Amino acid sequence: MTSSRVAPTTGGSFAAASKVYLVYNALTARARQSGARGFIANNTAISKIRGFDVYGGSSFWSDMNGPTPARLFGVPIFESSPMDSAVTTGSNILVAGDFSRYIVVDRLGITLTLDPMVLGPNRRPLGQSQSVAYWRTGGDCADVGAYRVLKL
């Protein structure tokens, strides 16, 4: 949704920590105060963000080591490989939001089908059988205002 996008003042560049502040400040007060808030980015963007904290020890970036995830502004930041890795114009490189407002639903029941005769590439029986199981699942935002995306 375009209302959830935050554009930097200089399009296509991601060279200062101020762009991370833009995304975090664009969140609603409710989303910033939620216990389930966080950031998601590709490893390329995370490495670039980590480089913004040149002096270390500030509250901008903290890495506790061990099982605790790295934190940005005291909020967990997680890696998502499917996000854009190219830091260029038009890339969605950082998501901030209240992830308790994302709902995943699994339909009850599972469907199991049995194929007693598996055919090979030449359409002849292989003498094997197969079974396939599937179920329905889905997810969506319950509140699009709870998220902001940095689009370069």
N, C-alpha and C. Protein backbone atom coordinates (compact mmCIF):
# COMPACT_ATOMS: atom_id res chain seq x y z
N MET A 1 0.85 -1.17 0.00
CA MET A 1 0.00 0.00 0.00
C MET A 1 0.89 1.23 0.00
N THR A 2 0.58 2.19 -0.84
CA THR A 2 1.45 3.35 -0.99
C THR A 2 1.46 4.25 0.23
N SER A 3 0.40 4.26 1.04
CA SER A 3 0.39 5.11 2.23
C SER A 3 1.36 4.60 3.29
N SER A 4 1.79 3.37 3.18
CA SER A 4 2.73 2.81 4.15
C SER A 4 4.18 3.00 3.73
N ARG A 5 4.41 3.57 2.54
CA ARG A 5 5.78 3.76 2.05
C ARG A 5 6.37 5.05 2.56
N VAL A 6 7.62 4.99 2.92
CA VAL A 6 8.37 6.17 3.34
C VAL A 6 9.48 6.36 2.32
N ALA A 7 9.52 7.53 1.72
CA ALA A 7 10.55 7.81 0.71
C ALA A 7 11.61 8.72 1.31
N PRO A 8 12.88 8.44 1.07
CA PRO A 8 13.93 9.32 1.57
C PRO A 8 13.95 10.63 0.80
N THR A 9 14.57 11.65 1.38
CA THR A 9 14.64 12.94 0.71
C THR A 9 15.44 12.86 -0.57
N THR A 10 16.48 12.04 -0.60
CA THR A 10 17.26 11.80 -1.80
C THR A 10 16.94 10.39 -2.28
N GLY A 11 16.16 10.30 -3.35
CA GLY A 11 15.73 9.00 -3.85
C GLY A 11 16.89 8.15 -4.35
N GLY A 12 16.81 6.87 -4.09
CA GLY A 12 17.81 5.95 -4.60
C GLY A 12 19.07 5.83 -3.78
N SER A 13 19.19 6.63 -2.72
CA SER A 13 20.41 6.53 -1.90
C SER A 13 20.05 6.07 -0.50
N PHE A 14 20.94 5.32 0.09
CA PHE A 14 20.77 4.82 1.45
C PHE A 14 22.11 4.96 2.13
N ALA A 15 22.50 6.20 2.38
CA ALA A 15 23.85 6.47 2.85
C ALA A 15 23.91 7.09 4.23
N ALA A 16 22.78 7.26 4.89
CA ALA A 16 22.81 7.86 6.21
C ALA A 16 21.78 7.22 7.12
N ALA A 17 22.07 7.23 8.40
CA ALA A 17 21.16 6.63 9.38
C ALA A 17 19.84 7.38 9.45
N SER A 18 19.80 8.62 8.97
CA SER A 18 18.57 9.41 9.04
C SER A 18 17.42 8.73 8.31
N LYS A 19 17.71 7.92 7.29
CA LYS A 19 16.66 7.22 6.56
C LYS A 19 16.01 6.14 7.42
N VAL A 20 16.78 5.53 8.29
CA VAL A 20 16.22 4.55 9.22
C VAL A 20 15.32 5.26 10.22
N TYR A 21 15.73 6.44 10.67
CA TYR A 21 14.90 7.24 11.57
C TYR A 21 13.59 7.64 10.90
N LEU A 22 13.62 7.94 9.60
CA LEU A 22 12.40 8.29 8.87
C LEU A 22 11.36 7.18 8.97
N VAL A 23 11.79 5.95 8.78
CA VAL A 23 10.86 4.82 8.81
C VAL A 23 10.31 4.63 10.22
N TYR A 24 11.17 4.67 11.20
CA TYR A 24 10.73 4.45 12.58
C TYR A 24 9.80 5.57 13.04
N ASN A 25 10.11 6.81 12.69
CA ASN A 25 9.28 7.94 13.09
C ASN A 25 7.94 7.97 12.35
N ALA A 26 7.86 7.36 11.18
CA ALA A 26 6.61 7.32 10.42
C ALA A 26 5.59 6.34 11.00
N LEU A 27 6.04 5.45 11.89
CA LEU A 27 5.11 4.53 12.54
C LEU A 27 4.15 5.29 13.43
N THR A 28 2.96 4.77 13.59
CA THR A 28 2.01 5.37 14.52
C THR A 28 2.51 5.15 15.94
N ALA A 29 2.04 5.96 16.86
CA ALA A 29 2.46 5.82 18.26
C ALA A 29 2.11 4.45 18.81
N ARG A 30 0.96 3.94 18.41
CA ARG A 30 0.54 2.61 18.86
C ARG A 30 1.50 1.53 18.39
N ALA A 31 1.95 1.63 17.15
CA ALA A 31 2.88 0.63 16.61
C ALA A 31 4.25 0.75 17.26
N ARG A 32 4.70 1.97 17.56
CA ARG A 32 6.01 2.15 18.20
C ARG A 32 6.02 1.64 19.63
N GLN A 33 4.88 1.63 20.31
CA GLN A 33 4.83 1.23 21.71
C GLN A 33 4.48 -0.24 21.89
N SER A 34 4.19 -0.94 20.82
CA SER A 34 3.82 -2.35 20.91
C SER A 34 5.02 -3.20 21.31
N GLY A 35 4.76 -4.26 22.02
CA GLY A 35 5.82 -5.18 22.40
C GLY A 35 6.25 -6.08 21.25
N ALA A 36 5.47 -6.11 20.18
CA ALA A 36 5.78 -6.97 19.03
C ALA A 36 6.37 -6.18 17.86
N ARG A 37 6.87 -4.99 18.13
CA ARG A 37 7.42 -4.19 17.03
C ARG A 37 8.80 -4.71 16.64
N GLY A 38 9.20 -4.42 15.41
CA GLY A 38 10.49 -4.88 14.95
C GLY A 38 10.80 -4.36 13.55
N PHE A 39 11.97 -4.74 13.06
CA PHE A 39 12.42 -4.39 11.72
C PHE A 39 12.70 -5.67 10.95
N ILE A 40 12.51 -5.62 9.63
CA ILE A 40 12.87 -6.73 8.75
C ILE A 40 13.60 -6.13 7.56
N ALA A 41 14.71 -6.77 7.18
CA ALA A 41 15.49 -6.31 6.02
C ALA A 41 16.32 -7.47 5.50
N ASN A 42 16.80 -7.32 4.28
CA ASN A 42 17.73 -8.28 3.69
C ASN A 42 19.09 -8.09 4.35
N ASN A 43 19.93 -9.10 4.31
CA ASN A 43 21.25 -9.03 4.95
C ASN A 43 22.10 -7.89 4.38
N THR A 44 21.94 -7.58 3.09
CA THR A 44 22.69 -6.48 2.49
C THR A 44 22.33 -5.16 3.16
N ALA A 45 21.04 -4.92 3.36
CA ALA A 45 20.60 -3.69 4.02
C ALA A 45 21.01 -3.69 5.49
N ILE A 46 20.93 -4.85 6.15
CA ILE A 46 21.33 -4.92 7.56
C ILE A 46 22.80 -4.57 7.71
N SER A 47 23.64 -5.08 6.82
CA SER A 47 25.07 -4.77 6.88
C SER A 47 25.31 -3.29 6.67
N LYS A 48 24.56 -2.68 5.76
CA LYS A 48 24.71 -1.24 5.51
C LYS A 48 24.27 -0.44 6.74
N ILE A 49 23.15 -0.84 7.35
CA ILE A 49 22.66 -0.17 8.56
C ILE A 49 23.66 -0.32 9.69
N ARG A 50 24.22 -1.51 9.84
CA ARG A 50 25.22 -1.76 10.89
C ARG A 50 26.42 -0.83 10.71
N GLY A 51 26.76 -0.53 9.46
CA GLY A 51 27.88 0.37 9.18
C GLY A 51 27.61 1.82 9.55
N PHE A 52 26.33 2.21 9.72
CA PHE A 52 26.01 3.58 10.11
C PHE A 52 26.47 3.88 11.53
N ASP A 53 26.53 2.86 12.39
CA ASP A 53 26.91 3.04 13.79
C ASP A 53 28.44 2.94 13.89
N VAL A 54 29.14 3.95 13.43
CA VAL A 54 30.60 3.89 13.35
C VAL A 54 31.27 3.95 14.71
N TYR A 55 30.63 4.57 15.69
CA TYR A 55 31.27 4.71 17.00
C TYR A 55 30.91 3.59 17.96
N GLY A 56 29.82 2.88 17.69
CA GLY A 56 29.42 1.78 18.56
C GLY A 56 29.00 2.25 19.93
N GLY A 57 28.33 1.41 20.66
CA GLY A 57 27.94 1.75 22.02
C GLY A 57 26.74 2.68 22.11
N SER A 58 26.23 3.15 21.00
CA SER A 58 25.07 4.03 21.05
C SER A 58 23.81 3.18 21.09
N SER A 59 22.69 3.83 21.22
CA SER A 59 21.43 3.09 21.24
C SER A 59 20.92 2.84 19.83
N PHE A 60 21.67 3.26 18.81
CA PHE A 60 21.24 3.05 17.43
C PHE A 60 21.29 1.57 17.08
N TRP A 61 22.44 0.93 17.24
CA TRP A 61 22.60 -0.49 16.92
C TRP A 61 23.22 -1.19 18.10
N SER A 62 22.63 -2.30 18.51
CA SER A 62 23.24 -3.09 19.58
C SER A 62 23.16 -4.56 19.21
N ASP A 63 24.24 -5.25 19.48
CA ASP A 63 24.32 -6.68 19.19
C ASP A 63 24.71 -7.37 20.49
N MET A 64 23.76 -8.09 21.07
CA MET A 64 23.98 -8.71 22.38
C MET A 64 24.74 -10.02 22.28
N ASN A 65 24.90 -10.56 21.07
CA ASN A 65 25.51 -11.87 20.87
C ASN A 65 24.64 -12.95 21.51
N GLY A 66 24.87 -14.15 21.15
CA GLY A 66 24.08 -15.25 21.70
C GLY A 66 22.71 -15.34 21.06
N PRO A 67 21.73 -15.87 21.78
CA PRO A 67 20.41 -16.10 21.20
C PRO A 67 19.57 -14.84 21.00
N THR A 68 19.98 -13.73 21.58
CA THR A 68 19.23 -12.49 21.45
C THR A 68 19.46 -11.88 20.08
N PRO A 69 18.39 -11.50 19.34
CA PRO A 69 18.60 -10.90 18.03
C PRO A 69 19.22 -9.51 18.14
N ALA A 70 19.89 -9.10 17.09
CA ALA A 70 20.44 -7.74 17.05
C ALA A 70 19.29 -6.75 17.19
N ARG A 71 19.61 -5.55 17.69
CA ARG A 71 18.57 -4.56 17.94
C ARG A 71 18.93 -3.24 17.29
N LEU A 72 17.91 -2.60 16.77
CA LEU A 72 18.02 -1.29 16.15
C LEU A 72 17.05 -0.39 16.89
N PHE A 73 17.52 0.66 17.53
CA PHE A 73 16.71 1.52 18.42
C PHE A 73 16.12 0.72 19.56
N GLY A 74 16.78 -0.36 19.98
CA GLY A 74 16.26 -1.19 21.05
C GLY A 74 15.16 -2.14 20.60
N VAL A 75 14.94 -2.24 19.29
CA VAL A 75 13.90 -3.08 18.71
C VAL A 75 14.58 -4.18 17.90
N PRO A 76 14.11 -5.42 17.97
CA PRO A 76 14.76 -6.51 17.21
C PRO A 76 14.72 -6.26 15.70
N ILE A 77 15.80 -6.64 15.04
CA ILE A 77 15.85 -6.59 13.58
C ILE A 77 16.15 -8.00 13.08
N PHE A 78 15.35 -8.45 12.11
CA PHE A 78 15.45 -9.80 11.60
C PHE A 78 15.78 -9.79 10.12
N GLU A 79 16.47 -10.83 9.67
CA GLU A 79 16.85 -10.95 8.27
C GLU A 79 15.74 -11.67 7.49
N SER A 80 15.45 -11.15 6.30
CA SER A 80 14.49 -11.77 5.39
C SER A 80 15.12 -11.82 4.00
N SER A 81 15.53 -12.99 3.57
CA SER A 81 16.19 -13.14 2.27
C SER A 81 15.33 -12.70 1.08
N PRO A 82 14.01 -12.90 1.09
CA PRO A 82 13.22 -12.48 -0.08
C PRO A 82 13.13 -10.97 -0.28
N MET A 83 13.46 -10.18 0.71
CA MET A 83 13.39 -8.72 0.53
C MET A 83 14.45 -8.27 -0.46
N ASP A 84 14.26 -7.08 -1.01
CA ASP A 84 15.20 -6.54 -2.00
C ASP A 84 16.60 -6.45 -1.41
N SER A 85 17.57 -6.97 -2.15
CA SER A 85 18.97 -6.89 -1.70
C SER A 85 19.71 -5.75 -2.39
N ALA A 86 19.20 -5.31 -3.53
CA ALA A 86 19.84 -4.21 -4.25
C ALA A 86 19.43 -2.89 -3.61
N VAL A 87 20.40 -2.10 -3.20
CA VAL A 87 20.12 -0.81 -2.58
C VAL A 87 20.13 0.24 -3.70
N THR A 88 19.05 0.24 -4.50
CA THR A 88 18.93 1.14 -5.64
C THR A 88 17.54 1.77 -5.65
N THR A 89 17.33 2.69 -6.56
CA THR A 89 16.04 3.36 -6.69
C THR A 89 14.93 2.34 -6.90
N GLY A 90 13.84 2.49 -6.14
CA GLY A 90 12.69 1.61 -6.27
C GLY A 90 12.72 0.39 -5.39
N SER A 91 13.80 0.17 -4.65
CA SER A 91 13.92 -1.01 -3.79
C SER A 91 13.21 -0.78 -2.46
N ASN A 92 12.46 -1.78 -2.02
CA ASN A 92 11.88 -1.78 -0.67
C ASN A 92 12.88 -2.51 0.22
N ILE A 93 13.63 -1.76 1.02
CA ILE A 93 14.75 -2.40 1.72
C ILE A 93 14.57 -2.57 3.22
N LEU A 94 13.58 -1.90 3.81
CA LEU A 94 13.42 -1.98 5.27
C LEU A 94 11.94 -1.89 5.62
N VAL A 95 11.48 -2.78 6.49
CA VAL A 95 10.10 -2.74 7.00
C VAL A 95 10.18 -2.58 8.50
N ALA A 96 9.40 -1.64 9.03
CA ALA A 96 9.28 -1.46 10.47
C ALA A 96 7.80 -1.58 10.81
N GLY A 97 7.50 -2.20 11.93
CA GLY A 97 6.10 -2.28 12.27
C GLY A 97 5.79 -3.11 13.50
N ASP A 98 4.51 -3.18 13.78
CA ASP A 98 3.97 -3.95 14.89
C ASP A 98 3.50 -5.29 14.32
N PHE A 99 4.30 -6.32 14.49
CA PHE A 99 4.03 -7.60 13.86
C PHE A 99 2.95 -8.41 14.56
N SER A 100 2.40 -7.89 15.65
CA SER A 100 1.22 -8.54 16.24
C SER A 100 -0.01 -8.24 15.40
N ARG A 101 0.09 -7.28 14.48
CA ARG A 101 -1.03 -6.90 13.61
C ARG A 101 -1.01 -7.69 12.30
N TYR A 102 -0.16 -8.70 12.20
CA TYR A 102 -0.14 -9.60 11.05
C TYR A 102 -0.72 -10.93 11.52
N ILE A 103 -1.74 -11.39 10.83
CA ILE A 103 -2.45 -12.59 11.28
C ILE A 103 -2.24 -13.72 10.29
N VAL A 104 -1.88 -14.89 10.81
CA VAL A 104 -1.72 -16.10 10.01
C VAL A 104 -2.85 -17.05 10.40
N VAL A 105 -3.54 -17.58 9.39
CA VAL A 105 -4.68 -18.46 9.63
C VAL A 105 -4.45 -19.78 8.93
N ASP A 106 -4.62 -20.87 9.67
CA ASP A 106 -4.58 -22.23 9.11
C ASP A 106 -5.99 -22.77 9.15
N ARG A 107 -6.48 -23.25 8.01
CA ARG A 107 -7.80 -23.89 7.96
C ARG A 107 -7.70 -25.25 8.63
N LEU A 108 -8.71 -25.59 9.38
CA LEU A 108 -8.75 -26.91 9.99
C LEU A 108 -8.94 -27.96 8.92
N GLY A 109 -8.35 -29.08 9.12
CA GLY A 109 -8.48 -30.18 8.19
C GLY A 109 -7.32 -30.25 7.22
N ILE A 110 -7.05 -31.44 6.82
CA ILE A 110 -5.97 -31.69 5.87
C ILE A 110 -6.53 -32.64 4.81
N THR A 111 -6.09 -32.46 3.60
CA THR A 111 -6.55 -33.32 2.51
C THR A 111 -5.40 -34.23 2.11
N LEU A 112 -5.68 -35.51 2.06
CA LEU A 112 -4.69 -36.50 1.67
C LEU A 112 -5.23 -37.25 0.46
N THR A 113 -4.49 -37.19 -0.63
CA THR A 113 -4.91 -37.93 -1.82
C THR A 113 -3.87 -39.00 -2.12
N LEU A 114 -4.36 -40.11 -2.64
CA LEU A 114 -3.50 -41.24 -2.97
C LEU A 114 -3.59 -41.51 -4.46
N ASP A 115 -2.46 -41.59 -5.11
CA ASP A 115 -2.40 -41.96 -6.53
C ASP A 115 -1.78 -43.36 -6.57
N PRO A 116 -2.59 -44.38 -6.84
CA PRO A 116 -2.06 -45.74 -6.77
C PRO A 116 -1.14 -46.12 -7.93
N MET A 117 -1.13 -45.32 -8.98
CA MET A 117 -0.30 -45.68 -10.13
C MET A 117 0.42 -44.43 -10.65
N VAL A 118 1.70 -44.35 -10.33
CA VAL A 118 2.50 -43.22 -10.80
C VAL A 118 3.01 -43.54 -12.20
N LEU A 119 2.81 -42.58 -13.10
CA LEU A 119 3.25 -42.77 -14.48
C LEU A 119 4.59 -42.07 -14.71
N GLY A 120 5.43 -42.66 -15.51
CA GLY A 120 6.73 -42.08 -15.84
C GLY A 120 6.62 -41.07 -16.97
N PRO A 121 7.75 -40.54 -17.43
CA PRO A 121 7.73 -39.54 -18.50
C PRO A 121 7.19 -40.11 -19.83
N ASN A 122 7.27 -41.40 -20.00
CA ASN A 122 6.74 -42.01 -21.23
C ASN A 122 5.30 -42.48 -21.06
N ARG A 123 4.66 -42.06 -19.94
CA ARG A 123 3.27 -42.37 -19.61
C ARG A 123 3.04 -43.85 -19.34
N ARG A 124 4.07 -44.56 -18.96
CA ARG A 124 3.95 -45.97 -18.57
C ARG A 124 4.03 -46.06 -17.05
N PRO A 125 3.34 -47.03 -16.46
CA PRO A 125 3.37 -47.17 -15.00
C PRO A 125 4.77 -47.50 -14.49
N LEU A 126 5.13 -46.89 -13.35
CA LEU A 126 6.44 -47.13 -12.74
C LEU A 126 6.37 -48.22 -11.66
N GLY A 127 5.16 -48.66 -11.34
CA GLY A 127 5.01 -49.65 -10.28
C GLY A 127 5.12 -49.02 -8.91
N GLN A 128 4.84 -47.74 -8.81
CA GLN A 128 4.91 -47.01 -7.55
C GLN A 128 3.59 -46.31 -7.29
N SER A 129 3.36 -45.96 -6.05
CA SER A 129 2.21 -45.13 -5.69
C SER A 129 2.73 -43.92 -4.93
N GLN A 130 1.91 -42.89 -4.88
CA GLN A 130 2.32 -41.68 -4.15
C GLN A 130 1.12 -41.10 -3.44
N SER A 131 1.40 -40.37 -2.39
CA SER A 131 0.35 -39.65 -1.68
C SER A 131 0.77 -38.20 -1.55
N VAL A 132 -0.22 -37.32 -1.58
CA VAL A 132 0.01 -35.89 -1.47
C VAL A 132 -0.91 -35.36 -0.38
N ALA A 133 -0.34 -34.61 0.55
CA ALA A 133 -1.12 -33.99 1.62
C ALA A 133 -1.01 -32.48 1.49
N TYR A 134 -2.12 -31.79 1.69
CA TYR A 134 -2.08 -30.33 1.65
C TYR A 134 -3.17 -29.77 2.55
N TRP A 135 -2.95 -28.53 2.97
CA TRP A 135 -3.94 -27.81 3.77
C TRP A 135 -3.87 -26.35 3.39
N ARG A 136 -4.90 -25.63 3.76
CA ARG A 136 -4.99 -24.22 3.40
C ARG A 136 -4.48 -23.35 4.53
N THR A 137 -3.67 -22.39 4.18
CA THR A 137 -3.14 -21.43 5.14
C THR A 137 -3.01 -20.08 4.45
N GLY A 138 -3.02 -19.03 5.22
CA GLY A 138 -2.89 -17.70 4.63
C GLY A 138 -2.55 -16.68 5.70
N GLY A 139 -2.21 -15.49 5.29
CA GLY A 139 -1.89 -14.43 6.22
C GLY A 139 -2.14 -13.08 5.59
N ASP A 140 -2.39 -12.08 6.44
CA ASP A 140 -2.63 -10.73 5.94
C ASP A 140 -2.49 -9.74 7.08
N CYS A 141 -2.33 -8.48 6.71
CA CYS A 141 -2.23 -7.40 7.69
C CYS A 141 -3.61 -7.08 8.24
N ALA A 142 -3.72 -7.02 9.55
CA ALA A 142 -4.98 -6.61 10.16
C ALA A 142 -5.07 -5.09 10.20
N ASP A 143 -3.94 -4.41 10.14
CA ASP A 143 -3.90 -2.94 10.20
C ASP A 143 -2.70 -2.47 9.37
N VAL A 144 -2.95 -1.97 8.17
CA VAL A 144 -1.84 -1.54 7.31
C VAL A 144 -1.12 -0.32 7.88
N GLY A 145 -1.76 0.40 8.78
CA GLY A 145 -1.12 1.55 9.41
C GLY A 145 -0.05 1.15 10.42
N ALA A 146 0.03 -0.13 10.75
CA ALA A 146 0.99 -0.59 11.74
C ALA A 146 2.36 -0.87 11.12
N TYR A 147 2.51 -0.65 9.82
CA TYR A 147 3.76 -0.95 9.13
C TYR A 147 4.21 0.23 8.28
N ARG A 148 5.53 0.36 8.14
CA ARG A 148 6.10 1.34 7.23
C ARG A 148 7.24 0.67 6.47
N VAL A 149 7.36 1.01 5.20
CA VAL A 149 8.36 0.43 4.31
C VAL A 149 9.24 1.56 3.78
N LEU A 150 10.54 1.38 3.83
CA LEU A 150 11.46 2.35 3.23
C LEU A 150 11.68 1.97 1.78
N LYS A 151 11.19 2.81 0.89
CA LYS A 151 11.38 2.58 -0.56
C LYS A 151 12.31 3.66 -1.08
N LEU A 152 13.43 3.22 -1.65
CA LEU A 152 14.40 4.18 -2.17
C LEU A 152 13.95 4.73 -3.51
